[in-house]
Each structure stands twice: as structure tokens, then as C-alpha cells.
């Protein structure tokens, strides 16, 4: 059944998946598994096979699937309304909770996806600094907006080149992509073009290229 579902998907969904991350081709998952449901720490595919879920929906399913308290909260919220395009008390309470729990977090902007969050952060940094350049690191994942789909150029402080078809040259000219954990390259780029840099995007631990931790002192610098 798994192959049948994926074959059907390819007729109506571009590439058969709604996100490149779901194809799993880079890790030998072709065709990708089509899941039917989740139970606790497990996912069950359309053929009834059970898998220990290390994916956790790329992060948010930290309590497992169908946790009773989470399920109850979803049911209670959906009984109040399907979707309201206005401010609601629950989002204000969530923002207050986050601000109280995270040191240095003074204001919150809630978004639906990480891609949106990074897009907003870049725009805010550019507006605040009046600068246009963004520095990112090779192998890191910051969503799929044009500005972060850029790979390294020919030198430490040169702008990058498109890492995907459809990303215009005008976007890549505003992004510098550098190797992670290399303070010399970062310092060189900042020395040469620091007065044009609006922000530096980084993951504390880079996941997409094999769970690469920062060297001691790297993030502090």
C-alpha cells in the first residue's frame, strides 16, 4: 500500500511530497514511507508497520503522538472555534509564558513555520540596522525561503550562489555562506564587510549535515 499511496501522490502533488524533507531520498528512503497514525513514541505506516519515531515531526512532538493532555487541549480549542483571524487570549498567554521562561526574550512574534520566523528575523535585522548582507553557514537549515537557499561563493567574504533552481541572482548577492566552526573565515568576512552585515544566522548545533556541535568557545565568540 505504501508504494500505491506514493504513486497516487505523484499525480497530484509536486514530487509526491509537500516538503523536500519528506522525500528522504538523501537517506535511502525512496519511495518515502506513508504514515497512517502515531501512538506515543511510535509511527505506524499504511501497511501496519511500527517505527520508533526519532523524527518527532522535526522537533515539536516532544510528548509523543496522541498524548492525552495534548489531545484534550486540541479538542477543547477546536470546540471553541475552527480558526479566528484575530488576536486570541491563548496566544497572548503563550507569549507571556515564553517571555517569562526564556532569559533575554522580551518580545514574541508567533509564526506558523520556521521558514516564516527566519524571514521575519532577517527583515527585522535589515530594518533595524539599515544593512543588507546576511551571513549563514554551509550545511545549516533555516527554512526554504530564497535568502537561505544559498551556498558558498568563491571566497570568505564573497556573496554566495543559488543552492536551488528558482533563486534569483539578486537574492544571492546579499548572502555570504561560510563554513561552520571556522572562526578565521567568519572573522575575515566581518572585517571586510561587517559594516554591511545585518545579521548572522546560525544553528547552535547543525543538524542537516550530521549533528555537528560547535567547537568550544565558537558560539561565545
Protein backbone atom coordinates (compact mmCIF):
# COMPACT_ATOMS: atom_id res chain seq x y z
CA UNK A 1 0.00 0.00 0.00
CA UNK A 2 2.88 2.37 0.70
CA UNK A 3 4.01 2.35 -2.94
CA UNK A 4 0.41 2.73 -4.10
CA UNK A 5 -0.18 5.82 -1.99
CA UNK A 6 3.07 7.41 -3.15
CA UNK A 7 2.25 6.65 -6.78
CA UNK A 8 -1.10 8.39 -6.34
CA UNK A 9 0.62 11.34 -4.67
CA UNK A 10 2.96 11.88 -7.61
CA UNK A 11 -0.02 12.53 -9.88
CA UNK A 12 -1.37 15.39 -7.77
CA UNK A 13 1.47 16.62 -5.51
CA UNK A 14 4.68 18.04 -6.97
CA UNK A 15 7.39 15.44 -6.36
CA UNK A 16 4.88 13.34 -4.45
CA UNK A 17 5.59 15.19 -1.18
CA UNK A 18 4.69 18.59 0.26
CA UNK A 19 8.22 19.24 1.53
CA UNK A 20 11.59 18.11 0.15
CA UNK A 21 12.47 16.89 3.65
CA UNK A 22 9.69 14.29 3.41
CA UNK A 23 11.17 12.55 0.38
CA UNK A 24 14.01 11.05 2.48
CA UNK A 25 15.96 10.35 -0.72
CA UNK A 26 19.24 11.52 0.80
CA UNK A 27 18.99 8.72 3.38
CA UNK A 28 17.80 5.97 1.06
CA UNK A 29 14.09 6.45 1.66
CA UNK A 30 12.79 6.20 -1.90
CA UNK A 31 9.86 5.89 -2.02
CA UNK A 32 9.15 7.63 1.29
CA UNK A 33 7.05 5.89 3.90
CA UNK A 34 3.43 6.99 4.11
CA UNK A 35 2.31 7.07 7.73
CA UNK A 36 -1.25 6.37 8.86
CA UNK A 37 -1.08 7.32 12.54
CA UNK A 38 1.10 7.76 15.60
CA UNK A 39 0.94 6.23 19.07
CA UNK A 40 3.23 7.55 21.78
CA UNK A 41 6.82 7.14 20.60
CA UNK A 42 5.81 5.16 17.50
CA UNK A 43 4.59 5.84 13.96
CA UNK A 44 2.54 3.27 12.05
CA UNK A 45 2.60 3.27 8.26
CA UNK A 46 -0.25 2.42 5.89
CA UNK A 47 0.94 -1.21 5.82
CA UNK A 48 0.71 -1.51 9.61
CA UNK A 49 4.47 -1.47 10.28
CA UNK A 50 5.56 0.24 13.51
CA UNK A 51 8.58 2.54 13.71
CA UNK A 52 10.24 4.18 16.68
CA UNK A 53 9.79 7.87 15.89
CA UNK A 54 13.13 9.64 16.06
CA UNK A 55 11.77 12.27 13.65
CA UNK A 56 9.24 13.77 16.10
CA UNK A 57 7.81 15.88 13.24
CA UNK A 58 11.22 17.60 13.05
CA UNK A 59 11.00 18.69 16.67
CA UNK A 60 7.61 19.65 18.11
CA UNK A 61 6.25 16.22 19.07
CA UNK A 62 8.26 16.10 22.28
CA UNK A 63 5.46 14.40 24.24
CA UNK A 64 4.86 11.73 21.63
CA UNK A 65 1.78 11.15 19.49
CA UNK A 66 -1.76 11.49 20.82
CA UNK A 67 -0.69 12.36 24.37
CA UNK A 68 -3.94 12.57 26.38
CA UNK A 69 -3.31 16.10 27.68
CA UNK A 70 -2.36 17.41 24.24
CA UNK A 71 -5.33 15.69 22.62
CA UNK A 72 -7.66 17.14 25.22
CA UNK A 73 -6.28 20.65 24.71
CA UNK A 74 -6.72 20.36 20.93
CA UNK A 75 -10.30 19.14 21.32
CA UNK A 76 -11.18 21.95 23.71
CA UNK A 77 -9.66 24.59 21.44
CA UNK A 78 -11.33 23.27 18.28
CA UNK A 79 -14.68 23.22 20.07
CA UNK A 80 -14.35 26.98 20.65
CA UNK A 81 -13.61 27.87 17.02
CA UNK A 82 -12.03 26.43 13.88
CA UNK A 83 -9.82 29.42 13.07
CA UNK A 84 -10.05 33.05 14.12
CA UNK A 85 -8.20 35.69 12.14
CA UNK A 86 -7.98 37.94 15.19
CA UNK A 87 -5.92 38.10 18.39
CA UNK A 88 -6.99 35.45 20.92
CA UNK A 89 -6.25 35.11 24.66
CA UNK A 90 -4.33 31.85 24.24
CA UNK A 91 -1.65 33.38 22.01
CA UNK A 92 -1.13 36.21 24.49
CA UNK A 93 -0.80 33.73 27.36
CA UNK A 94 1.68 31.69 25.31
CA UNK A 95 3.78 34.78 24.53
CA UNK A 96 3.81 35.76 28.22
CA UNK A 97 4.86 32.23 29.19
CA UNK A 98 7.72 32.23 26.68
CA UNK A 99 8.95 35.65 27.76
CA UNK A 100 8.98 34.55 31.40
CA UNK A 101 10.70 31.24 30.67
CA UNK A 102 13.47 32.35 28.29
CA UNK A 103 16.10 34.82 29.58
CA UNK A 104 16.51 37.80 27.26
CA UNK A 105 13.30 37.11 25.34
CA UNK A 106 11.45 40.40 25.67
CA UNK A 107 9.04 40.29 22.73
CA UNK A 108 7.50 37.45 20.73
CA UNK A 109 6.21 37.10 17.17
CA UNK A 110 4.43 33.78 16.67
CA UNK A 111 4.59 32.22 13.21
CA UNK A 112 3.29 29.03 11.63
CA UNK A 113 6.65 27.74 10.37
CA UNK A 114 10.35 28.16 10.97
CA UNK A 115 10.72 29.49 7.43
CA UNK A 116 8.39 32.37 8.29
CA UNK A 117 10.23 33.02 11.55
CA UNK A 118 13.61 33.30 9.81
CA UNK A 119 12.16 35.51 7.04
CA UNK A 120 10.77 37.85 9.70
CA UNK A 121 14.05 37.86 11.63
CA UNK A 122 16.05 38.78 8.52
CA UNK A 123 13.63 41.56 7.61
CA UNK A 124 13.70 42.92 11.15
CA UNK A 125 17.51 42.85 11.27
CA UNK A 126 17.76 44.68 7.97
CA UNK A 127 15.21 47.28 9.02
CA UNK A 128 16.90 47.89 12.38
CA UNK A 129 20.49 48.05 11.11
CA UNK A 130 19.89 49.60 7.72
CA UNK A 131 22.25 46.96 6.29
CA UNK A 132 21.54 44.29 3.68
CA UNK A 133 24.02 41.41 3.97
CA UNK A 134 23.19 38.13 5.73
CA UNK A 135 25.83 35.62 6.83
CA UNK A 136 24.83 31.96 7.07
CA UNK A 137 26.77 28.71 7.42
CA UNK A 138 27.07 25.81 5.00
CA UNK A 139 25.02 22.77 5.93
CA UNK A 140 22.69 24.64 8.28
CA UNK A 141 18.94 24.69 7.72
CA UNK A 142 16.92 27.88 8.10
CA UNK A 143 13.84 27.04 6.05
CA UNK A 144 13.23 27.23 2.32
CA UNK A 145 12.93 30.94 1.58
CA UNK A 146 15.17 32.30 -1.18
CA UNK A 147 17.61 34.12 1.11
CA UNK A 148 18.70 30.94 2.91
CA UNK A 149 18.93 28.67 -0.16
CA UNK A 150 22.40 29.98 -0.92
CA UNK A 151 25.72 28.13 -0.93
CA UNK A 152 29.26 29.42 -0.60
CA UNK A 153 30.85 31.72 -3.15
CA UNK A 154 34.48 31.75 -4.22
CA UNK A 155 35.97 33.36 -1.11
CA UNK A 156 35.48 34.01 2.57
CA UNK A 157 33.76 37.35 2.12
CA UNK A 158 32.20 36.90 -1.31
CA UNK A 159 28.48 36.58 -1.83
CA UNK A 160 27.00 33.15 -2.43
CA UNK A 161 25.42 31.35 -5.34
CA UNK A 162 21.98 29.79 -5.59
CA UNK A 163 21.60 26.38 -3.96
CA UNK A 164 18.29 25.75 -5.72
CA UNK A 165 16.75 26.49 -9.08
CA UNK A 166 14.45 29.50 -8.99
CA UNK A 167 16.54 31.59 -6.59
CA UNK A 168 17.40 34.85 -8.42
CA UNK A 169 20.91 36.26 -8.53
CA UNK A 170 19.68 39.43 -6.87
CA UNK A 171 18.97 37.44 -3.71
CA UNK A 172 22.29 35.58 -3.62
CA UNK A 173 24.20 38.86 -3.85
CA UNK A 174 23.01 39.71 -0.36
CA UNK A 175 24.08 36.45 1.32
CA UNK A 176 27.51 35.21 2.41
CA UNK A 177 27.76 31.48 3.14
CA UNK A 178 30.68 30.33 5.31
CA UNK A 179 31.89 27.01 6.76
CA UNK A 180 30.60 26.25 10.25
CA UNK A 181 33.09 26.15 13.15
CA UNK A 182 35.64 28.26 11.28
CA UNK A 183 36.25 31.45 13.26
CA UNK A 184 39.00 32.62 10.93
CA UNK A 185 36.68 32.68 7.92
CA UNK A 186 33.93 34.39 9.91
CA UNK A 187 36.34 36.99 11.29
CA UNK A 188 37.70 37.68 7.81
CA UNK A 189 34.21 38.20 6.39
CA UNK A 190 33.25 40.54 9.23
CA UNK A 191 36.48 42.52 8.92
CA UNK A 192 35.93 43.07 5.21
CA UNK A 193 32.18 43.61 5.10
CA UNK A 194 30.99 43.84 8.69
CA UNK A 195 29.63 47.35 8.16
CA UNK A 196 27.18 45.86 5.63
CA UNK A 197 26.08 42.81 7.66
CA UNK A 198 22.57 42.94 9.10
CA UNK A 199 22.67 39.58 10.89
CA UNK A 200 24.40 36.22 11.24
CA UNK A 201 22.18 33.13 11.05
CA UNK A 202 23.35 30.04 12.89
CA UNK A 203 22.13 26.85 14.50
CA UNK A 204 23.67 26.10 17.91
CA UNK A 205 24.06 22.50 16.72
CA UNK A 206 23.88 21.95 12.96
CA UNK A 207 21.51 19.08 12.24
CA UNK A 208 21.28 18.76 8.47
CA UNK A 209 24.91 17.77 7.98
CA UNK A 210 25.17 15.17 10.71
CA UNK A 211 24.59 16.76 14.15
CA UNK A 212 27.72 18.92 14.23
CA UNK A 213 28.32 20.58 17.60
CA UNK A 214 30.13 23.91 17.87
CA UNK A 215 33.76 23.90 18.91
CA UNK A 216 34.41 25.15 22.47
CA UNK A 217 34.08 28.94 22.51
CA UNK A 218 32.75 29.18 18.95
CA UNK A 219 29.26 30.47 19.76
CA UNK A 220 30.58 32.71 22.54
CA UNK A 221 32.85 34.48 20.04
